[in-house]
Amino acid sequence: MTQAIEKPKSILAMIETLTPEQQEEVLNFIEFLQFKAQKYDTETTGKSQQKTPEELGWPPGFFEETAGCLADDPIQRYPQGEYEEREQLE
């Protein structure tokens, strides 16, 4: 059990001795390992670890309602009305 506690402390101590660029590489590698583990979990369990749109803050049914709303081919831009004329800045 002591070894499990000592490893994070040892890793942090080693990281603190690295340059900022090397620390960035370590961070990138950790993110890669997390991504790889998530991909493995998804493949083995058949379940996705991704959050649903609702969990990410989108209103329920947002994508189903908006998908294909620009289906015109070609997309048409209808008249936009008169544009306001502004005075020139000096």
Protein backbone atom coordinates (compact mmCIF):
# COMPACT_ATOMS: atom_id res chain seq x y z
CA MET A 1 0.00 0.00 0.00
CA THR A 2 2.87 2.35 0.80
CA GLN A 3 4.26 1.87 -2.70
CA ALA A 4 0.94 2.97 -4.22
CA ILE A 5 1.09 6.18 -2.21
CA GLU A 6 4.75 6.84 -2.97
CA LYS A 7 4.46 6.55 -6.76
CA PRO A 8 2.38 9.74 -7.30
CA LYS A 9 4.75 11.69 -5.03
CA SER A 10 7.75 10.34 -6.89
CA ILE A 11 6.19 11.17 -10.27
CA LEU A 12 5.36 14.73 -9.17
CA ALA A 13 8.88 15.26 -7.87
CA MET A 14 10.34 14.13 -11.20
CA ILE A 15 7.97 16.32 -13.21
CA GLU A 16 8.93 19.38 -11.17
CA THR A 17 12.55 19.00 -12.34
CA LEU A 18 11.58 19.12 -16.04
CA THR A 19 11.51 22.16 -18.29
CA PRO A 20 8.08 23.63 -19.14
CA GLU A 21 8.34 22.08 -22.62
CA GLN A 22 9.06 18.65 -21.15
CA GLN A 23 6.18 19.05 -18.69
CA GLU A 24 3.91 19.78 -21.67
CA GLU A 25 5.09 16.53 -23.29
CA VAL A 26 4.32 14.63 -20.08
CA LEU A 27 0.83 16.15 -20.01
CA ASN A 28 0.27 15.19 -23.65
CA PHE A 29 1.37 11.63 -22.92
CA ILE A 30 -0.95 11.37 -19.91
CA GLU A 31 -3.87 12.60 -22.05
CA PHE A 32 -2.93 10.01 -24.69
CA LEU A 33 -2.94 7.24 -22.08
CA GLN A 34 -6.36 8.36 -20.84
CA PHE A 35 -7.72 8.44 -24.40
CA LYS A 36 -6.29 4.98 -25.10
CA ALA A 37 -7.84 3.60 -21.90
CA GLN A 38 -11.22 5.15 -22.77
CA LYS A 39 -11.06 3.66 -26.27
CA TYR A 40 -10.20 0.25 -24.83
CA ASP A 41 -13.08 0.48 -22.33
CA THR A 42 -15.49 1.38 -25.13
CA GLU A 43 -14.33 -1.51 -27.31
CA THR A 44 -14.46 -4.10 -24.53
CA THR A 45 -17.73 -3.07 -22.91
CA GLY A 46 -19.47 -1.92 -26.08
CA LYS A 47 -20.57 1.21 -24.24
CA SER A 48 -19.46 4.70 -25.13
CA GLN A 49 -17.92 6.89 -22.45
CA GLN A 50 -19.06 10.01 -24.31
CA LYS A 51 -21.59 12.32 -22.72
CA THR A 52 -24.99 12.84 -24.29
CA PRO A 53 -25.82 16.25 -25.80
CA GLU A 54 -28.12 16.89 -22.84
CA GLU A 55 -25.27 16.16 -20.41
CA LEU A 56 -23.19 18.71 -22.33
CA GLY A 57 -25.85 21.39 -21.87
CA TRP A 58 -27.77 21.21 -25.18
CA PRO A 59 -31.57 21.39 -25.01
CA PRO A 60 -33.32 18.02 -25.46
CA GLY A 61 -33.96 17.27 -29.15
CA PHE A 62 -31.87 20.22 -30.38
CA PHE A 63 -29.89 18.30 -32.98
CA GLU A 64 -32.89 16.29 -34.18
CA GLU A 65 -34.84 19.53 -34.73
CA THR A 66 -32.05 21.46 -36.44
CA ALA A 67 -30.44 18.72 -38.53
CA GLY A 68 -31.19 19.34 -42.19
CA CYS A 69 -32.61 22.83 -41.65
CA LEU A 70 -30.32 24.07 -44.45
CA ALA A 71 -31.24 21.30 -46.85
CA ASP A 72 -31.90 23.62 -49.85
CA ASP A 73 -29.61 22.75 -52.73
CA PRO A 74 -28.07 25.17 -53.40
CA ILE A 75 -28.54 27.04 -50.16
CA GLN A 76 -30.52 30.18 -50.87
CA ARG A 77 -30.04 33.47 -49.10
CA TYR A 78 -33.25 35.40 -49.21
CA PRO A 79 -33.37 39.23 -49.34
CA GLN A 80 -32.11 40.77 -46.13
CA GLY A 81 -33.73 44.20 -46.44
CA GLU A 82 -32.07 47.59 -46.42
CA TYR A 83 -28.73 48.00 -44.72
CA GLU A 84 -28.20 50.98 -42.51
CA GLU A 85 -25.87 53.67 -43.88
CA ARG A 86 -23.31 54.79 -41.33
CA GLU A 87 -21.38 58.01 -41.23
CA GLN A 88 -17.68 57.81 -42.05
CA LEU A 89 -15.32 57.99 -39.08
CA GLU A 90 -12.80 60.78 -39.17
